Amino acid sequence: MRRKIVAALDDHDYEQLELLATLSRIKRPELLRRIIRAYLDKGNATLATERAK
């Protein structure tokens, strides 16, 4: 299932994302997908740990 995520970035954040994408040789949307996926996966791991306690 896919969901739409809206993010607002200031100029500095956007410039940092452009730089990271250039250094990684990937496109900005792919970089954002990877960052968001890592964040969500971390959140799921944290929730699983809290439930196990």
C-alpha atoms as a PDB file:
ATOM      1  CA  MET A   1       0.000   0.000   0.000  1.00  0.00           C
ATOM      2  CA  ARG A   2       1.308   3.440  -0.881  1.00  0.00           C
ATOM      3  CA  ARG A   3       0.553   6.637   0.973  1.00  0.00           C
ATOM      4  CA  LYS A   4       1.361  10.202   0.135  1.00  0.00           C
ATOM      5  CA  ILE A   5       3.703  12.035   2.493  1.00  0.00           C
ATOM      6  CA  VAL A   6       4.018  15.804   2.328  1.00  0.00           C
ATOM      7  CA  ALA A   7       7.164  17.449   3.671  1.00  0.00           C
ATOM      8  CA  ALA A   8       8.116  21.103   3.855  1.00  0.00           C
ATOM      9  CA  LEU A   9      11.824  21.858   3.594  1.00  0.00           C
ATOM     10  CA  ASP A  10      13.546  25.161   4.114  1.00  0.00           C
ATOM     11  CA  ASP A  11      16.236  26.304   1.671  1.00  0.00           C
ATOM     12  CA  HIS A  12      19.092  24.932   3.769  1.00  0.00           C
ATOM     13  CA  ASP A  13      17.520  21.466   4.091  1.00  0.00           C
ATOM     14  CA  TYR A  14      16.795  21.375   0.366  1.00  0.00           C
ATOM     15  CA  GLU A  15      20.388  22.323  -0.460  1.00  0.00           C
ATOM     16  CA  GLN A  16      21.652  19.589   1.861  1.00  0.00           C
ATOM     17  CA  LEU A  17      19.405  17.025   0.161  1.00  0.00           C
ATOM     18  CA  GLU A  18      20.637  18.138  -3.255  1.00  0.00           C
ATOM     19  CA  LEU A  19      24.239  17.757  -2.111  1.00  0.00           C
ATOM     20  CA  LEU A  20      23.614  14.298  -0.623  1.00  0.00           C
ATOM     21  CA  ALA A  21      21.809  13.177  -3.769  1.00  0.00           C
ATOM     22  CA  THR A  22      24.659  14.415  -5.953  1.00  0.00           C
ATOM     23  CA  LEU A  23      27.289  12.712  -3.815  1.00  0.00           C
ATOM     24  CA  SER A  24      25.276   9.479  -3.743  1.00  0.00           C
ATOM     25  CA  ARG A  25      24.576   9.759  -7.479  1.00  0.00           C
ATOM     26  CA  ILE A  26      20.866   9.211  -7.012  1.00  0.00           C
ATOM     27  CA  LYS A  27      17.872  11.430  -7.658  1.00  0.00           C
ATOM     28  CA  ARG A  28      16.318  13.535  -4.898  1.00  0.00           C
ATOM     29  CA  PRO A  29      13.005  11.636  -4.801  1.00  0.00           C
ATOM     30  CA  GLU A  30      14.867   8.346  -4.332  1.00  0.00           C
ATOM     31  CA  LEU A  31      16.985   9.879  -1.561  1.00  0.00           C
ATOM     32  CA  LEU A  32      13.850  11.140   0.204  1.00  0.00           C
ATOM     33  CA  ARG A  33      12.222   7.702  -0.093  1.00  0.00           C
ATOM     34  CA  ARG A  34      15.289   6.106   1.497  1.00  0.00           C
ATOM     35  CA  ILE A  35      15.434   8.643   4.334  1.00  0.00           C
ATOM     36  CA  ILE A  36      11.710   8.310   5.077  1.00  0.00           C
ATOM     37  CA  ARG A  37      11.840   4.501   4.889  1.00  0.00           C
ATOM     38  CA  ALA A  38      14.776   4.423   7.334  1.00  0.00           C
ATOM     39  CA  TYR A  39      12.923   6.766   9.696  1.00  0.00           C
ATOM     40  CA  LEU A  40       9.734   4.697   9.558  1.00  0.00           C
ATOM     41  CA  ASP A  41      11.638   1.432   9.996  1.00  0.00           C
ATOM     42  CA  LYS A  42      13.391   2.895  13.041  1.00  0.00           C
ATOM     43  CA  GLY A  43      10.016   3.908  14.472  1.00  0.00           C
ATOM     44  CA  ASN A  44       8.609   0.420  13.908  1.00  0.00           C
ATOM     45  CA  ALA A  45      11.636  -1.128  15.624  1.00  0.00           C
ATOM     46  CA  THR A  46      11.205   1.240  18.573  1.00  0.00           C
ATOM     47  CA  LEU A  47       7.512   0.367  18.878  1.00  0.00           C
ATOM     48  CA  ALA A  48       8.274  -3.352  18.722  1.00  0.00           C
ATOM     49  CA  THR A  49      10.876  -2.966  21.481  1.00  0.00           C
ATOM     50  CA  GLU A  50       8.437  -1.060  23.698  1.00  0.00           C
ATOM     51  CA  ARG A  51       5.726  -3.686  23.174  1.00  0.00           C
ATOM     52  CA  ALA A  52       8.124  -6.481  24.131  1.00  0.00           C
ATOM     53  CA  LYS A  53       8.846  -4.899  27.542  1.00  0.00           C
END
